[in-house]
């Protein structure tokens, strides 16, 4: 169980994601941070990352791994193709 509220996670998550952003940008991609709900981080992959066959691997083994190291081992990350509109419906 996540010992932090979603609100408490926002700033640490943003800082953790910033560490991994250069990896995405190097390949012409990026991400938009959408928010945190129930300990799950929601992002929208953009640029070259959008639709890339390797984006799932990057999401789990780079971004999520860094979040687990920086914040908590139970945190996870999900890419929402629909961006902010899809996040608003969660």
N, C-alpha and C. Protein backbone atom coordinates (compact mmCIF):
# COMPACT_ATOMS: atom_id res chain seq x y z
N UNK A 1 0.84 -1.19 0.00
CA UNK A 1 0.00 0.00 0.00
C UNK A 1 0.88 1.25 0.00
N UNK A 2 0.48 2.20 -0.81
CA UNK A 2 1.25 3.43 -0.94
C UNK A 2 1.06 4.30 0.31
N UNK A 3 2.15 4.67 1.00
CA UNK A 3 2.04 5.45 2.23
C UNK A 3 1.89 6.96 2.01
N UNK A 4 1.66 7.37 0.76
CA UNK A 4 1.55 8.79 0.45
C UNK A 4 0.21 9.06 -0.24
N UNK A 5 -0.31 10.25 -0.04
CA UNK A 5 -1.52 10.64 -0.77
C UNK A 5 -1.11 11.01 -2.19
N UNK A 6 -2.08 11.02 -3.09
CA UNK A 6 -1.79 11.40 -4.47
C UNK A 6 -1.22 12.82 -4.54
N UNK A 7 -1.76 13.70 -3.71
CA UNK A 7 -1.29 15.08 -3.69
C UNK A 7 0.17 15.17 -3.24
N UNK A 8 0.54 14.36 -2.24
CA UNK A 8 1.92 14.35 -1.75
C UNK A 8 2.89 13.82 -2.79
N UNK A 9 2.42 13.01 -3.72
CA UNK A 9 3.28 12.40 -4.72
C UNK A 9 3.59 13.32 -5.91
N UNK A 10 2.78 14.31 -6.16
CA UNK A 10 2.91 15.11 -7.38
C UNK A 10 4.30 15.70 -7.57
N UNK A 11 4.81 16.45 -6.61
CA UNK A 11 6.12 17.09 -6.79
C UNK A 11 7.27 16.08 -6.87
N UNK A 12 7.32 15.07 -5.98
CA UNK A 12 8.38 14.07 -6.12
C UNK A 12 8.32 13.32 -7.46
N UNK A 13 7.12 13.04 -7.94
CA UNK A 13 6.98 12.35 -9.23
C UNK A 13 7.51 13.23 -10.36
N UNK A 14 7.16 14.51 -10.34
CA UNK A 14 7.64 15.42 -11.39
C UNK A 14 9.17 15.48 -11.38
N UNK A 15 9.77 15.55 -10.20
CA UNK A 15 11.23 15.60 -10.10
C UNK A 15 11.87 14.32 -10.61
N UNK A 16 11.26 13.19 -10.30
CA UNK A 16 11.78 11.91 -10.76
C UNK A 16 11.67 11.79 -12.28
N UNK A 17 10.54 12.20 -12.83
CA UNK A 17 10.35 12.14 -14.29
C UNK A 17 11.34 13.04 -15.03
N UNK A 18 11.69 14.17 -14.41
CA UNK A 18 12.66 15.08 -15.02
C UNK A 18 14.01 14.40 -15.23
N UNK A 19 14.36 13.48 -14.34
CA UNK A 19 15.63 12.75 -14.47
C UNK A 19 15.66 11.91 -15.74
N UNK A 20 14.51 11.34 -16.11
CA UNK A 20 14.43 10.45 -17.27
C UNK A 20 14.10 11.18 -18.56
N UNK A 21 13.66 12.41 -18.47
CA UNK A 21 13.24 13.16 -19.66
C UNK A 21 14.32 13.25 -20.73
N UNK A 22 15.60 13.44 -20.38
CA UNK A 22 16.63 13.51 -21.42
C UNK A 22 16.70 12.25 -22.29
N UNK A 23 16.39 11.09 -21.71
CA UNK A 23 16.38 9.85 -22.48
C UNK A 23 15.34 9.93 -23.60
N UNK A 24 14.17 10.45 -23.26
CA UNK A 24 13.10 10.59 -24.25
C UNK A 24 13.43 11.66 -25.28
N UNK A 25 13.92 12.79 -24.82
CA UNK A 25 14.22 13.92 -25.70
C UNK A 25 15.34 13.59 -26.68
N UNK A 26 16.28 12.77 -26.25
CA UNK A 26 17.41 12.39 -27.11
C UNK A 26 16.91 11.70 -28.39
N UNK A 27 15.78 11.01 -28.28
CA UNK A 27 15.21 10.31 -29.43
C UNK A 27 14.06 11.07 -30.07
N UNK A 28 13.90 12.34 -29.70
CA UNK A 28 12.85 13.17 -30.31
C UNK A 28 11.49 13.03 -29.67
N UNK A 29 11.46 12.48 -28.45
CA UNK A 29 10.18 12.29 -27.76
C UNK A 29 10.06 13.15 -26.54
N UNK A 30 9.06 12.86 -25.76
CA UNK A 30 8.82 13.59 -24.53
C UNK A 30 7.59 13.05 -23.86
N UNK A 31 7.18 13.73 -22.79
CA UNK A 31 5.96 13.34 -22.10
C UNK A 31 5.31 14.52 -21.45
N UNK A 32 4.02 14.39 -21.24
CA UNK A 32 3.25 15.36 -20.47
C UNK A 32 2.80 14.64 -19.21
N UNK A 33 3.09 15.24 -18.06
CA UNK A 33 2.63 14.70 -16.79
C UNK A 33 1.15 15.06 -16.65
N UNK A 34 0.30 14.05 -16.44
CA UNK A 34 -1.13 14.29 -16.33
C UNK A 34 -1.60 14.33 -14.88
N UNK A 35 -1.01 13.51 -14.02
CA UNK A 35 -1.40 13.51 -12.62
C UNK A 35 -1.17 12.16 -11.98
N UNK A 36 -1.63 12.06 -10.72
CA UNK A 36 -1.50 10.83 -9.95
C UNK A 36 -2.87 10.49 -9.38
N UNK A 37 -3.29 9.26 -9.55
CA UNK A 37 -4.55 8.79 -8.96
C UNK A 37 -4.32 7.40 -8.37
N UNK A 38 -4.63 7.28 -7.08
CA UNK A 38 -4.49 6.01 -6.37
C UNK A 38 -3.08 5.42 -6.49
N UNK A 39 -2.08 6.29 -6.42
CA UNK A 39 -0.69 5.84 -6.47
C UNK A 39 -0.20 5.45 -7.85
N UNK A 40 -0.98 5.74 -8.87
CA UNK A 40 -0.59 5.46 -10.25
C UNK A 40 -0.30 6.79 -10.93
N UNK A 41 0.87 6.86 -11.57
CA UNK A 41 1.28 8.07 -12.29
C UNK A 41 0.78 7.95 -13.72
N UNK A 42 0.12 9.01 -14.19
CA UNK A 42 -0.40 9.03 -15.56
C UNK A 42 0.35 10.07 -16.38
N UNK A 43 0.82 9.65 -17.54
CA UNK A 43 1.53 10.53 -18.45
C UNK A 43 0.96 10.34 -19.85
N UNK A 44 1.32 11.27 -20.72
CA UNK A 44 0.96 11.18 -22.13
C UNK A 44 2.27 11.31 -22.92
N UNK A 45 2.68 10.22 -23.56
CA UNK A 45 3.90 10.26 -24.35
C UNK A 45 3.66 11.05 -25.62
N UNK A 46 4.62 11.91 -25.97
CA UNK A 46 4.47 12.78 -27.14
C UNK A 46 5.69 12.68 -28.04
N UNK A 47 5.62 13.34 -29.17
CA UNK A 47 6.73 13.34 -30.12
C UNK A 47 6.99 11.95 -30.65
N UNK A 48 8.25 11.61 -30.81
CA UNK A 48 8.64 10.31 -31.36
C UNK A 48 8.23 9.16 -30.45
N UNK A 49 7.97 9.44 -29.18
CA UNK A 49 7.56 8.37 -28.25
C UNK A 49 6.13 7.91 -28.51
N UNK A 50 5.33 8.80 -29.05
CA UNK A 50 3.92 8.48 -29.31
C UNK A 50 3.85 7.41 -30.40
N UNK A 51 3.35 6.26 -30.03
CA UNK A 51 3.20 5.17 -30.98
C UNK A 51 4.47 4.37 -31.25
N UNK A 52 5.55 4.71 -30.59
CA UNK A 52 6.81 3.98 -30.79
C UNK A 52 6.69 2.58 -30.19
N UNK A 53 7.18 1.60 -30.91
CA UNK A 53 7.10 0.21 -30.45
C UNK A 53 7.86 0.00 -29.14
N UNK A 54 8.86 0.80 -28.88
CA UNK A 54 9.66 0.66 -27.65
C UNK A 54 9.13 1.48 -26.49
N UNK A 55 8.07 2.23 -26.70
CA UNK A 55 7.60 3.14 -25.65
C UNK A 55 7.16 2.39 -24.39
N UNK A 56 6.56 1.22 -24.52
CA UNK A 56 6.16 0.44 -23.35
C UNK A 56 7.35 0.00 -22.52
N UNK A 57 8.41 -0.38 -23.21
CA UNK A 57 9.65 -0.79 -22.52
C UNK A 57 10.27 0.41 -21.82
N UNK A 58 10.32 1.54 -22.50
CA UNK A 58 10.86 2.76 -21.91
C UNK A 58 10.06 3.16 -20.69
N UNK A 59 8.74 3.06 -20.80
CA UNK A 59 7.86 3.44 -19.71
C UNK A 59 8.13 2.59 -18.46
N UNK A 60 8.20 1.29 -18.62
CA UNK A 60 8.36 0.39 -17.47
C UNK A 60 9.80 0.30 -16.96
N UNK A 61 10.76 0.19 -17.87
CA UNK A 61 12.13 -0.08 -17.44
C UNK A 61 13.00 1.15 -17.29
N UNK A 62 12.48 2.30 -17.64
CA UNK A 62 13.23 3.53 -17.42
C UNK A 62 12.45 4.44 -16.46
N UNK A 63 11.28 4.90 -16.92
CA UNK A 63 10.52 5.86 -16.11
C UNK A 63 10.00 5.24 -14.82
N UNK A 64 9.33 4.09 -14.92
CA UNK A 64 8.77 3.46 -13.72
C UNK A 64 9.89 3.00 -12.78
N UNK A 65 10.93 2.47 -13.33
CA UNK A 65 12.06 2.03 -12.51
C UNK A 65 12.62 3.19 -11.68
N UNK A 66 12.77 4.36 -12.32
CA UNK A 66 13.29 5.53 -11.61
C UNK A 66 12.30 5.98 -10.53
N UNK A 67 11.00 5.94 -10.83
CA UNK A 67 10.00 6.30 -9.83
C UNK A 67 10.06 5.37 -8.62
N UNK A 68 10.25 4.08 -8.87
CA UNK A 68 10.33 3.10 -7.79
C UNK A 68 11.57 3.35 -6.92
N UNK A 69 12.67 3.71 -7.55
CA UNK A 69 13.91 4.01 -6.81
C UNK A 69 13.75 5.28 -5.98
N UNK A 70 13.20 6.31 -6.62
CA UNK A 70 13.11 7.63 -5.98
C UNK A 70 12.00 7.74 -4.94
N UNK A 71 10.89 7.02 -5.15
CA UNK A 71 9.71 7.28 -4.33
C UNK A 71 9.24 6.07 -3.53
N UNK A 72 8.82 5.01 -4.21
CA UNK A 72 8.27 3.85 -3.50
C UNK A 72 8.19 2.66 -4.47
N UNK A 73 8.49 1.45 -3.99
CA UNK A 73 8.51 0.28 -4.88
C UNK A 73 7.15 -0.11 -5.45
N UNK A 74 6.06 0.39 -4.91
CA UNK A 74 4.74 0.02 -5.41
C UNK A 74 4.17 1.01 -6.42
N UNK A 75 4.88 2.08 -6.71
CA UNK A 75 4.36 3.08 -7.64
C UNK A 75 4.40 2.52 -9.07
N UNK A 76 3.46 2.92 -9.88
CA UNK A 76 3.46 2.48 -11.28
C UNK A 76 3.13 3.66 -12.17
N UNK A 77 3.34 3.47 -13.47
CA UNK A 77 3.12 4.53 -14.44
C UNK A 77 2.33 3.98 -15.62
N UNK A 78 1.44 4.81 -16.15
CA UNK A 78 0.60 4.43 -17.28
C UNK A 78 0.58 5.57 -18.29
N UNK A 79 0.73 5.21 -19.56
CA UNK A 79 0.61 6.18 -20.64
C UNK A 79 -0.84 6.21 -21.10
N UNK A 80 -1.42 7.40 -21.14
CA UNK A 80 -2.78 7.57 -21.65
C UNK A 80 -2.70 8.20 -23.02
N UNK A 81 -3.04 7.44 -24.04
CA UNK A 81 -3.00 7.94 -25.42
C UNK A 81 -3.89 9.16 -25.61
N UNK A 82 -4.99 9.21 -24.85
CA UNK A 82 -5.95 10.31 -24.97
C UNK A 82 -5.57 11.56 -24.19
N UNK A 83 -4.43 11.54 -23.51
CA UNK A 83 -3.94 12.71 -22.80
C UNK A 83 -4.86 13.20 -21.69
N UNK A 84 -4.97 14.51 -21.57
CA UNK A 84 -5.73 15.13 -20.49
C UNK A 84 -7.21 14.74 -20.51
N UNK A 85 -7.77 14.60 -21.69
CA UNK A 85 -9.20 14.24 -21.78
C UNK A 85 -9.44 12.85 -21.20
N UNK A 86 -8.56 11.92 -21.50
CA UNK A 86 -8.70 10.57 -20.96
C UNK A 86 -8.46 10.57 -19.45
N UNK A 87 -7.48 11.34 -18.98
CA UNK A 87 -7.20 11.42 -17.54
C UNK A 87 -8.40 11.99 -16.79
N UNK A 88 -9.07 12.97 -17.36
CA UNK A 88 -10.23 13.59 -16.71
C UNK A 88 -11.37 12.60 -16.52
N UNK A 89 -11.43 11.57 -17.36
CA UNK A 89 -12.51 10.57 -17.26
C UNK A 89 -12.21 9.46 -16.24
N UNK A 90 -10.99 9.44 -15.70
CA UNK A 90 -10.64 8.39 -14.74
C UNK A 90 -11.33 8.63 -13.40
